[in-house]
Amino acid sequence: DAVRQVFSHHLISLGYQVCTARDAGEALDLLSNPNGCVDLLLTDIAMPGVKVEHLVAEAKRLHPTCQILYTSGYP
C-alpha cells in the first residue's frame, strides 16, 4: 500500500491523472471502464491476483496504445 501511495503521489505531483488498484482484479475492473483511456500501466511483476501476463494482455487488448512499465520490490 505504501509503495503504491508514493508512486501515485509522485505521478500526480507531475501532473498525471492516476488510478490505483490493490490487485490485478481491481486493475482489470479499472481497465474495463469504457469511458477511460489508459496511456501507461505501471505494474509489479508479482502483483497479487491474476497473473501479470493476463493483466498486460488485457490492458493491450482494451487499450492498444497503452505502454507497460514493470516494477518489482525484489532485488
C-alpha atoms as a PDB file:
ATOM      1  CA  ASP A   1       0.000   0.000   0.000  1.00  0.00           C
ATOM      2  CA  ALA A   2       2.772   2.434   0.917  1.00  0.00           C
ATOM      3  CA  VAL A   3       4.683   1.940  -2.334  1.00  0.00           C
ATOM      4  CA  ARG A   4       1.501   2.433  -4.366  1.00  0.00           C
ATOM      5  CA  GLN A   5       0.766   5.653  -2.458  1.00  0.00           C
ATOM      6  CA  VAL A   6       4.293   7.025  -3.022  1.00  0.00           C
ATOM      7  CA  PHE A   7       4.195   6.271  -6.764  1.00  0.00           C
ATOM      8  CA  SER A   8       0.692   7.713  -7.062  1.00  0.00           C
ATOM      9  CA  HIS A   9       1.514  10.896  -5.154  1.00  0.00           C
ATOM     10  CA  HIS A  10       4.653  11.496  -7.184  1.00  0.00           C
ATOM     11  CA  LEU A  11       2.930  10.979 -10.548  1.00  0.00           C
ATOM     12  CA  ILE A  12       0.040  13.249  -9.532  1.00  0.00           C
ATOM     13  CA  SER A  13       2.520  15.943  -8.479  1.00  0.00           C
ATOM     14  CA  LEU A  14       3.965  15.732 -12.016  1.00  0.00           C
ATOM     15  CA  GLY A  15       0.512  16.388 -13.496  1.00  0.00           C
ATOM     16  CA  TYR A  16      -0.574  12.862 -14.387  1.00  0.00           C
ATOM     17  CA  GLN A  17      -4.074  11.532 -13.809  1.00  0.00           C
ATOM     18  CA  VAL A  18      -3.664   8.347 -11.772  1.00  0.00           C
ATOM     19  CA  CYS A  19      -5.916   5.391 -10.978  1.00  0.00           C
ATOM     20  CA  THR A  20      -4.645   2.841  -8.490  1.00  0.00           C
ATOM     21  CA  ALA A  21      -5.545  -0.771  -7.854  1.00  0.00           C
ATOM     22  CA  ARG A  22      -4.687  -3.018  -4.925  1.00  0.00           C
ATOM     23  CA  ASP A  23      -4.541  -6.182  -7.026  1.00  0.00           C
ATOM     24  CA  ALA A  24      -4.863  -7.428 -10.595  1.00  0.00           C
ATOM     25  CA  GLY A  25      -8.617  -7.982 -10.308  1.00  0.00           C
ATOM     26  CA  GLU A  26      -9.138  -4.360  -9.313  1.00  0.00           C
ATOM     27  CA  ALA A  27      -6.812  -3.267 -12.121  1.00  0.00           C
ATOM     28  CA  LEU A  28      -8.807  -5.293 -14.654  1.00  0.00           C
ATOM     29  CA  ASP A  29     -12.001  -3.584 -13.481  1.00  0.00           C
ATOM     30  CA  LEU A  30     -10.396  -0.161 -13.990  1.00  0.00           C
ATOM     31  CA  LEU A  31      -9.051  -1.142 -17.409  1.00  0.00           C
ATOM     32  CA  SER A  32     -12.511  -2.335 -18.468  1.00  0.00           C
ATOM     33  CA  ASN A  33     -14.080   1.089 -17.917  1.00  0.00           C
ATOM     34  CA  PRO A  34     -15.347   2.076 -21.378  1.00  0.00           C
ATOM     35  CA  ASN A  35     -15.041   5.796 -20.534  1.00  0.00           C
ATOM     36  CA  GLY A  36     -11.366   5.617 -19.651  1.00  0.00           C
ATOM     37  CA  CYS A  37      -8.203   5.868 -21.664  1.00  0.00           C
ATOM     38  CA  VAL A  38      -5.085   4.251 -20.257  1.00  0.00           C
ATOM     39  CA  ASP A  39      -1.756   5.505 -21.578  1.00  0.00           C
ATOM     40  CA  LEU A  40       0.502   3.656 -19.131  1.00  0.00           C
ATOM     41  CA  LEU A  41       0.137   0.602 -16.917  1.00  0.00           C
ATOM     42  CA  LEU A  42       2.684   0.520 -14.102  1.00  0.00           C
ATOM     43  CA  THR A  43       2.573  -2.933 -12.551  1.00  0.00           C
ATOM     44  CA  ASP A  44       4.510  -5.069 -10.143  1.00  0.00           C
ATOM     45  CA  ILE A  45       5.693  -8.297 -11.730  1.00  0.00           C
ATOM     46  CA  ALA A  46       4.366 -10.159  -8.670  1.00  0.00           C
ATOM     47  CA  MET A  47       1.006  -8.408  -8.336  1.00  0.00           C
ATOM     48  CA  PRO A  48      -1.455 -10.482  -6.271  1.00  0.00           C
ATOM     49  CA  GLY A  49      -4.466 -11.960  -8.041  1.00  0.00           C
ATOM     50  CA  VAL A  50      -4.427 -12.622 -11.772  1.00  0.00           C
ATOM     51  CA  LYS A  51      -1.054 -13.377 -13.368  1.00  0.00           C
ATOM     52  CA  VAL A  52       0.662 -10.229 -14.624  1.00  0.00           C
ATOM     53  CA  GLU A  53       0.802 -11.678 -18.160  1.00  0.00           C
ATOM     54  CA  HIS A  54      -3.003 -11.808 -18.245  1.00  0.00           C
ATOM     55  CA  LEU A  55      -3.265  -8.265 -16.868  1.00  0.00           C
ATOM     56  CA  VAL A  56      -0.885  -6.935 -19.529  1.00  0.00           C
ATOM     57  CA  ALA A  57      -2.643  -8.830 -22.332  1.00  0.00           C
ATOM     58  CA  GLU A  58      -5.999  -7.378 -21.266  1.00  0.00           C
ATOM     59  CA  ALA A  59      -4.540  -3.888 -20.978  1.00  0.00           C
ATOM     60  CA  LYS A  60      -3.164  -4.138 -24.527  1.00  0.00           C
ATOM     61  CA  ARG A  61      -6.425  -5.594 -25.851  1.00  0.00           C
ATOM     62  CA  LEU A  62      -8.568  -2.872 -24.260  1.00  0.00           C
ATOM     63  CA  HIS A  63      -6.098  -0.010 -24.778  1.00  0.00           C
ATOM     64  CA  PRO A  64      -3.883  -0.906 -27.765  1.00  0.00           C
ATOM     65  CA  THR A  65      -1.601   2.127 -27.397  1.00  0.00           C
ATOM     66  CA  CYS A  66      -1.071   1.551 -23.669  1.00  0.00           C
ATOM     67  CA  GLN A  67       2.574   1.327 -22.632  1.00  0.00           C
ATOM     68  CA  ILE A  68       3.617  -1.135 -19.919  1.00  0.00           C
ATOM     69  CA  LEU A  69       6.137  -0.407 -17.173  1.00  0.00           C
ATOM     70  CA  TYR A  70       7.089  -3.310 -14.914  1.00  0.00           C
ATOM     71  CA  THR A  71       8.479  -2.816 -11.439  1.00  0.00           C
ATOM     72  CA  SER A  72       9.417  -5.116  -8.585  1.00  0.00           C
ATOM     73  CA  GLY A  73      10.332  -4.970  -4.935  1.00  0.00           C
ATOM     74  CA  TYR A  74      12.573  -7.984  -5.383  1.00  0.00           C
ATOM     75  CA  PRO A  75      16.335  -7.377  -5.553  1.00  0.00           C
END
